[in-house]
Amino acid sequence: QLAPARVRVRVRGGADIVGRLKPEQVYLFVDYRNTNTGDGLSVQARPDSLFEVITLEPSQVAVAGR
């Protein structure tokens, strides 16, 4: 399980797209293959042609119980 479990996302795009954007349309992931001992895991967003992810807060998460 990742901690924290939620990430705040800011996006940029057309008002008609951003105004109707649903959380499930923003795909976030963590790549466990690129871990360094003691470091957090970087949260990444899959690129989308309709909007741009400009910030992720926090930008790193930890694996709980690791």
PDB file of N, CA and C in Angstrom:
ATOM      1  N   GLN A   1       0.846  -1.180   0.000  1.00  0.00           N
ATOM      2  CA  GLN A   1       0.000   0.000   0.000  1.00  0.00           C
ATOM      3  C   GLN A   1       0.888   1.239   0.000  1.00  0.00           C
ATOM      4  N   LEU A   2       0.457   2.245  -0.750  1.00  0.00           N
ATOM      5  CA  LEU A   2       1.239   3.474  -0.866  1.00  0.00           C
ATOM      6  C   LEU A   2       0.768   4.503   0.142  1.00  0.00           C
ATOM      7  N   ALA A   3       1.710   5.285   0.650  1.00  0.00           N
ATOM      8  CA  ALA A   3       1.378   6.350   1.595  1.00  0.00           C
ATOM      9  C   ALA A   3       2.063   7.628   1.147  1.00  0.00           C
ATOM     10  N   PRO A   4       1.321   8.697   1.008  1.00  0.00           N
ATOM     11  CA  PRO A   4      -0.121   8.805   1.216  1.00  0.00           C
ATOM     12  C   PRO A   4      -0.881   8.114   0.089  1.00  0.00           C
ATOM     13  N   ALA A   5      -2.138   7.837   0.349  1.00  0.00           N
ATOM     14  CA  ALA A   5      -2.964   7.115  -0.607  1.00  0.00           C
ATOM     15  C   ALA A   5      -3.574   8.036  -1.664  1.00  0.00           C
ATOM     16  N   ARG A   6      -3.504   9.340  -1.443  1.00  0.00           N
ATOM     17  CA  ARG A   6      -4.080  10.308  -2.401  1.00  0.00           C
ATOM     18  C   ARG A   6      -3.024  11.291  -2.860  1.00  0.00           C
ATOM     19  N   VAL A   7      -3.201  11.736  -4.102  1.00  0.00           N
ATOM     20  CA  VAL A   7      -2.300  12.718  -4.703  1.00  0.00           C
ATOM     21  C   VAL A   7      -3.171  13.829  -5.291  1.00  0.00           C
ATOM     22  N   ARG A   8      -2.778  15.077  -5.049  1.00  0.00           N
ATOM     23  CA  ARG A   8      -3.475  16.225  -5.640  1.00  0.00           C
ATOM     24  C   ARG A   8      -2.876  16.470  -7.020  1.00  0.00           C
ATOM     25  N   VAL A   9      -3.745  16.616  -8.020  1.00  0.00           N
ATOM     26  CA  VAL A   9      -3.313  16.763  -9.411  1.00  0.00           C
ATOM     27  C   VAL A   9      -3.816  18.092  -9.946  1.00  0.00           C
ATOM     28  N   ARG A  10      -2.918  18.864 -10.573  1.00  0.00           N
ATOM     29  CA  ARG A  10      -3.312  20.088 -11.286  1.00  0.00           C
ATOM     30  C   ARG A  10      -3.079  19.836 -12.756  1.00  0.00           C
ATOM     31  N   VAL A  11      -4.079  20.195 -13.552  1.00  0.00           N
ATOM     32  CA  VAL A  11      -3.988  19.982 -14.997  1.00  0.00           C
ATOM     33  C   VAL A  11      -4.200  21.294 -15.740  1.00  0.00           C
ATOM     34  N   ARG A  12      -3.756  21.303 -16.991  1.00  0.00           N
ATOM     35  CA  ARG A  12      -3.943  22.451 -17.874  1.00  0.00           C
ATOM     36  C   ARG A  12      -4.538  21.947 -19.171  1.00  0.00           C
ATOM     37  N   GLY A  13      -5.517  22.691 -19.665  1.00  0.00           N
ATOM     38  CA  GLY A  13      -6.141  22.327 -20.918  1.00  0.00           C
ATOM     39  C   GLY A  13      -7.305  23.248 -21.192  1.00  0.00           C
ATOM     40  N   GLY A  14      -8.047  22.961 -22.233  1.00  0.00           N
ATOM     41  CA  GLY A  14      -9.215  23.756 -22.581  1.00  0.00           C
ATOM     42  C   GLY A  14     -10.264  23.698 -21.488  1.00  0.00           C
ATOM     43  N   ALA A  15     -10.969  24.824 -21.295  1.00  0.00           N
ATOM     44  CA  ALA A  15     -11.976  24.910 -20.233  1.00  0.00           C
ATOM     45  C   ALA A  15     -13.054  23.853 -20.401  1.00  0.00           C
ATOM     46  N   ASP A  16     -13.425  23.544 -21.630  1.00  0.00           N
ATOM     47  CA  ASP A  16     -14.459  22.532 -21.848  1.00  0.00           C
ATOM     48  C   ASP A  16     -13.995  21.141 -21.447  1.00  0.00           C
ATOM     49  N   ILE A  17     -12.715  20.844 -21.605  1.00  0.00           N
ATOM     50  CA  ILE A  17     -12.160  19.537 -21.219  1.00  0.00           C
ATOM     51  C   ILE A  17     -11.939  19.480 -19.715  1.00  0.00           C
ATOM     52  N   VAL A  18     -11.239  20.457 -19.172  1.00  0.00           N
ATOM     53  CA  VAL A  18     -10.896  20.454 -17.748  1.00  0.00           C
ATOM     54  C   VAL A  18     -12.150  20.533 -16.882  1.00  0.00           C
ATOM     55  N   GLY A  19     -13.141  21.290 -17.314  1.00  0.00           N
ATOM     56  CA  GLY A  19     -14.372  21.420 -16.544  1.00  0.00           C
ATOM     57  C   GLY A  19     -15.157  20.128 -16.419  1.00  0.00           C
ATOM     58  N   ARG A  20     -14.975  19.208 -17.364  1.00  0.00           N
ATOM     59  CA  ARG A  20     -15.692  17.927 -17.351  1.00  0.00           C
ATOM     60  C   ARG A  20     -14.807  16.756 -16.964  1.00  0.00           C
ATOM     61  N   LEU A  21     -13.564  17.023 -16.597  1.00  0.00           N
ATOM     62  CA  LEU A  21     -12.602  15.969 -16.294  1.00  0.00           C
ATOM     63  C   LEU A  21     -12.995  15.229 -15.018  1.00  0.00           C
ATOM     64  N   LYS A  22     -12.959  13.904 -15.079  1.00  0.00           N
ATOM     65  CA  LYS A  22     -13.265  13.059 -13.927  1.00  0.00           C
ATOM     66  C   LYS A  22     -11.979  12.428 -13.413  1.00  0.00           C
ATOM     67  N   PRO A  23     -11.896  12.142 -12.114  1.00  0.00           N
ATOM     68  CA  PRO A  23     -10.665  11.554 -11.551  1.00  0.00           C
ATOM     69  C   PRO A  23     -10.195  10.295 -12.283  1.00  0.00           C
ATOM     70  N   GLU A  24     -11.111   9.466 -12.730  1.00  0.00           N
ATOM     71  CA  GLU A  24     -10.718   8.226 -13.392  1.00  0.00           C
ATOM     72  C   GLU A  24     -10.121   8.458 -14.778  1.00  0.00           C
ATOM     73  N   GLN A  25     -10.187   9.678 -15.293  1.00  0.00           N
ATOM     74  CA  GLN A  25      -9.591   9.988 -16.582  1.00  0.00           C
ATOM     75  C   GLN A  25      -8.117  10.378 -16.468  1.00  0.00           C
ATOM     76  N   VAL A  26      -7.644  10.587 -15.251  1.00  0.00           N
ATOM     77  CA  VAL A  26      -6.239  10.917 -15.010  1.00  0.00           C
ATOM     78  C   VAL A  26      -5.567   9.658 -14.480  1.00  0.00           C
ATOM     79  N   TYR A  27      -4.672   9.086 -15.264  1.00  0.00           N
ATOM     80  CA  TYR A  27      -4.030   7.824 -14.906  1.00  0.00           C
ATOM     81  C   TYR A  27      -2.674   8.095 -14.268  1.00  0.00           C
ATOM     82  N   LEU A  28      -2.568   7.817 -12.964  1.00  0.00           N
ATOM     83  CA  LEU A  28      -1.314   7.966 -12.224  1.00  0.00           C
ATOM     84  C   LEU A  28      -0.755   6.596 -11.913  1.00  0.00           C
ATOM     85  N   PHE A  29       0.581   6.520 -11.837  1.00  0.00           N
ATOM     86  CA  PHE A  29       1.207   5.246 -11.517  1.00  0.00           C
ATOM     87  C   PHE A  29       2.544   5.465 -10.830  1.00  0.00           C
ATOM     88  N   VAL A  30       3.032   4.392 -10.206  1.00  0.00           N
ATOM     89  CA  VAL A  30       4.342   4.365  -9.559  1.00  0.00           C
ATOM     90  C   VAL A  30       5.085   3.180 -10.143  1.00  0.00           C
ATOM     91  N   ASP A  31       6.307   3.398 -10.589  1.00  0.00           N
ATOM     92  CA  ASP A  31       7.117   2.327 -11.171  1.00  0.00           C
ATOM     93  C   ASP A  31       7.992   1.733 -10.072  1.00  0.00           C
ATOM     94  N   TYR A  32       7.626   0.542  -9.602  1.00  0.00           N
ATOM     95  CA  TYR A  32       8.374  -0.114  -8.529  1.00  0.00           C
ATOM     96  C   TYR A  32       9.740  -0.601  -8.977  1.00  0.00           C
ATOM     97  N   ARG A  33       9.961  -0.719 -10.266  1.00  0.00           N
ATOM     98  CA  ARG A  33      11.245  -1.230 -10.765  1.00  0.00           C
ATOM     99  C   ARG A  33      12.384  -0.247 -10.529  1.00  0.00           C
ATOM    100  N   ASN A  34      12.086   1.031 -10.377  1.00  0.00           N
ATOM    101  CA  ASN A  34      13.125   2.056 -10.221  1.00  0.00           C
ATOM    102  C   ASN A  34      13.245   2.525  -8.786  1.00  0.00           C
ATOM    103  N   THR A  35      13.265   1.599  -7.847  1.00  0.00           N
ATOM    104  CA  THR A  35      13.342   1.981  -6.437  1.00  0.00           C
ATOM    105  C   THR A  35      14.779   2.010  -5.959  1.00  0.00           C
ATOM    106  N   ASN A  36      15.058   2.956  -5.087  1.00  0.00           N
ATOM    107  CA  ASN A  36      16.324   3.028  -4.380  1.00  0.00           C
ATOM    108  C   ASN A  36      16.013   2.900  -2.898  1.00  0.00           C
ATOM    109  N   THR A  37      16.789   2.130  -2.180  1.00  0.00           N
ATOM    110  CA  THR A  37      16.523   1.899  -0.775  1.00  0.00           C
ATOM    111  C   THR A  37      16.449   3.221  -0.025  1.00  0.00           C
ATOM    112  N   GLY A  38      15.367   3.420   0.712  1.00  0.00           N
ATOM    113  CA  GLY A  38      15.203   4.623   1.512  1.00  0.00           C
ATOM    114  C   GLY A  38      14.588   5.802   0.776  1.00  0.00           C
ATOM    115  N   ASP A  39      14.534   5.757  -0.530  1.00  0.00           N
ATOM    116  CA  ASP A  39      13.961   6.862  -1.292  1.00  0.00           C
ATOM    117  C   ASP A  39      12.483   6.626  -1.530  1.00  0.00           C
ATOM    118  N   GLY A  40      11.747   7.708  -1.732  1.00  0.00           N
ATOM    119  CA  GLY A  40      10.342   7.583  -2.105  1.00  0.00           C
ATOM    120  C   GLY A  40      10.226   7.173  -3.561  1.00  0.00           C
ATOM    121  N   LEU A  41       9.048   6.741  -3.916  1.00  0.00           N
ATOM    122  CA  LEU A  41       8.767   6.355  -5.297  1.00  0.00           C
ATOM    123  C   LEU A  41       8.102   7.528  -6.004  1.00  0.00           C
ATOM    124  N   SER A  42       8.551   7.855  -7.189  1.00  0.00           N
ATOM    125  CA  SER A  42       8.007   8.983  -7.939  1.00  0.00           C
ATOM    126  C   SER A  42       6.636   8.644  -8.504  1.00  0.00           C
ATOM    127  N   VAL A  43       5.695   9.553  -8.302  1.00  0.00           N
ATOM    128  CA  VAL A  43       4.370   9.431  -8.891  1.00  0.00           C
ATOM    129  C   VAL A  43       4.466   9.993 -10.307  1.00  0.00           C
ATOM    130  N   GLN A  44       3.927   9.259 -11.266  1.00  0.00           N
ATOM    131  CA  GLN A  44       3.987   9.677 -12.658  1.00  0.00           C
ATOM    132  C   GLN A  44       2.589   9.687 -13.245  1.00  0.00           C
ATOM    133  N   ALA A  45       2.386  10.514 -14.236  1.00  0.00           N
ATOM    134  CA  ALA A  45       1.102  10.603 -14.923  1.00  0.00           C
ATOM    135  C   ALA A  45       1.276  10.165 -16.365  1.00  0.00           C
ATOM    136  N   ARG A  46       0.354   9.353 -16.837  1.00  0.00           N
ATOM    137  CA  ARG A  46       0.382   8.947 -18.243  1.00  0.00           C
ATOM    138  C   ARG A  46      -0.013  10.154 -19.090  1.00  0.00           C
ATOM    139  N   PRO A  47       0.754  10.473 -20.113  1.00  0.00           N
ATOM    140  CA  PRO A  47       0.416  11.614 -20.975  1.00  0.00           C
ATOM    141  C   PRO A  47      -0.962  11.446 -21.612  1.00  0.00           C
ATOM    142  N   ASP A  48      -1.638  12.551 -21.812  1.00  0.00           N
ATOM    143  CA  ASP A  48      -2.948  12.563 -22.453  1.00  0.00           C
ATOM    144  C   ASP A  48      -2.973  13.693 -23.470  1.00  0.00           C
ATOM    145  N   SER A  49      -3.596  13.464 -24.596  1.00  0.00           N
ATOM    146  CA  SER A  49      -3.621  14.478 -25.651  1.00  0.00           C
ATOM    147  C   SER A  49      -4.620  15.607 -25.376  1.00  0.00           C
ATOM    148  N   LEU A  50      -5.538  15.428 -24.423  1.00  0.00           N
ATOM    149  CA  LEU A  50      -6.561  16.432 -24.155  1.00  0.00           C
ATOM    150  C   LEU A  50      -6.182  17.424 -23.056  1.00  0.00           C
ATOM    151  N   PHE A  51      -5.262  17.038 -22.165  1.00  0.00           N
ATOM    152  CA  PHE A  51      -4.856  17.907 -21.067  1.00  0.00           C
ATOM    153  C   PHE A  51      -3.423  17.577 -20.662  1.00  0.00           C
ATOM    154  N   GLU A  52      -2.817  18.488 -19.912  1.00  0.00           N
ATOM    155  CA  GLU A  52      -1.448  18.317 -19.436  1.00  0.00           C
ATOM    156  C   GLU A  52      -1.460  18.325 -17.913  1.00  0.00           C
ATOM    157  N   VAL A  53      -0.817  17.341 -17.284  1.00  0.00           N
ATOM    158  CA  VAL A  53      -0.650  17.337 -15.837  1.00  0.00           C
ATOM    159  C   VAL A  53       0.525  18.250 -15.531  1.00  0.00           C
ATOM    160  N   ILE A  54       0.281  19.298 -14.717  1.00  0.00           N
ATOM    161  CA  ILE A  54       1.354  20.256 -14.442  1.00  0.00           C
ATOM    162  C   ILE A  54       1.950  20.103 -13.055  1.00  0.00           C
ATOM    163  N   THR A  55       1.193  19.581 -12.085  1.00  0.00           N
ATOM    164  CA  THR A  55       1.766  19.300 -10.768  1.00  0.00           C
ATOM    165  C   THR A  55       1.105  18.088 -10.138  1.00  0.00           C
ATOM    166  N   LEU A  56       1.903  17.373  -9.357  1.00  0.00           N
ATOM    167  CA  LEU A  56       1.443  16.256  -8.545  1.00  0.00           C
ATOM    168  C   LEU A  56       1.943  16.517  -7.123  1.00  0.00           C
ATOM    169  N   GLU A  57       1.041  16.521  -6.154  1.00  0.00           N
ATOM    170  CA  GLU A  57       1.426  16.778  -4.761  1.00  0.00           C
ATOM    171  C   GLU A  57       0.858  15.697  -3.867  1.00  0.00           C
ATOM    172  N   PRO A  58       1.666  14.904  -3.208  1.00  0.00           N
ATOM    173  CA  PRO A  58       3.124  14.902  -3.266  1.00  0.00           C
ATOM    174  C   PRO A  58       3.617  14.247  -4.559  1.00  0.00           C
ATOM    175  N   SER A  59       4.840  14.535  -4.891  1.00  0.00           N
ATOM    176  CA  SER A  59       5.406  13.951  -6.112  1.00  0.00           C
ATOM    177  C   SER A  59       6.048  12.603  -5.852  1.00  0.00           C
ATOM    178  N   GLN A  60       6.192  12.246  -4.565  1.00  0.00           N
ATOM    179  CA  GLN A  60       6.738  10.940  -4.195  1.00  0.00           C
ATOM    180  C   GLN A  60       5.875  10.338  -3.094  1.00  0.00           C
ATOM    181  N   VAL A  61       5.829   9.003  -3.089  1.00  0.00           N
ATOM    182  CA  VAL A  61       5.091   8.271  -2.069  1.00  0.00           C
ATOM    183  C   VAL A  61       6.008   7.169  -1.526  1.00  0.00           C
ATOM    184  N   ALA A  62       5.605   6.617  -0.396  1.00  0.00           N
ATOM    185  CA  ALA A  62       6.355   5.520   0.219  1.00  0.00           C
ATOM    186  C   ALA A  62       5.486   4.281   0.215  1.00  0.00           C
ATOM    187  N   VAL A  63       6.138   3.127   0.243  1.00  0.00           N
ATOM    188  CA  VAL A  63       5.413   1.868   0.355  1.00  0.00           C
ATOM    189  C   VAL A  63       5.261   1.569   1.832  1.00  0.00           C
ATOM    190  N   ALA A  64       4.015   1.518   2.318  1.00  0.00           N
ATOM    191  CA  ALA A  64       3.748   1.253   3.728  1.00  0.00           C
ATOM    192  C   ALA A  64       4.055  -0.193   4.046  1.00  0.00           C
ATOM    193  N   GLY A  65       4.701  -0.421   5.174  1.00  0.00           N
ATOM    194  CA  GLY A  65       5.021  -1.773   5.612  1.00  0.00           C
ATOM    195  C   GLY A  65       6.176  -2.400   4.894  1.00  0.00           C
ATOM    196  N   ARG A  66       6.976  -1.603   4.255  1.00  0.00           N
ATOM    197  CA  ARG A  66       8.105  -2.131   3.497  1.00  0.00           C
ATOM    198  C   ARG A  66       9.236  -2.477   4.417  1.00  0.00           C
TER     199      ARG A  66
END
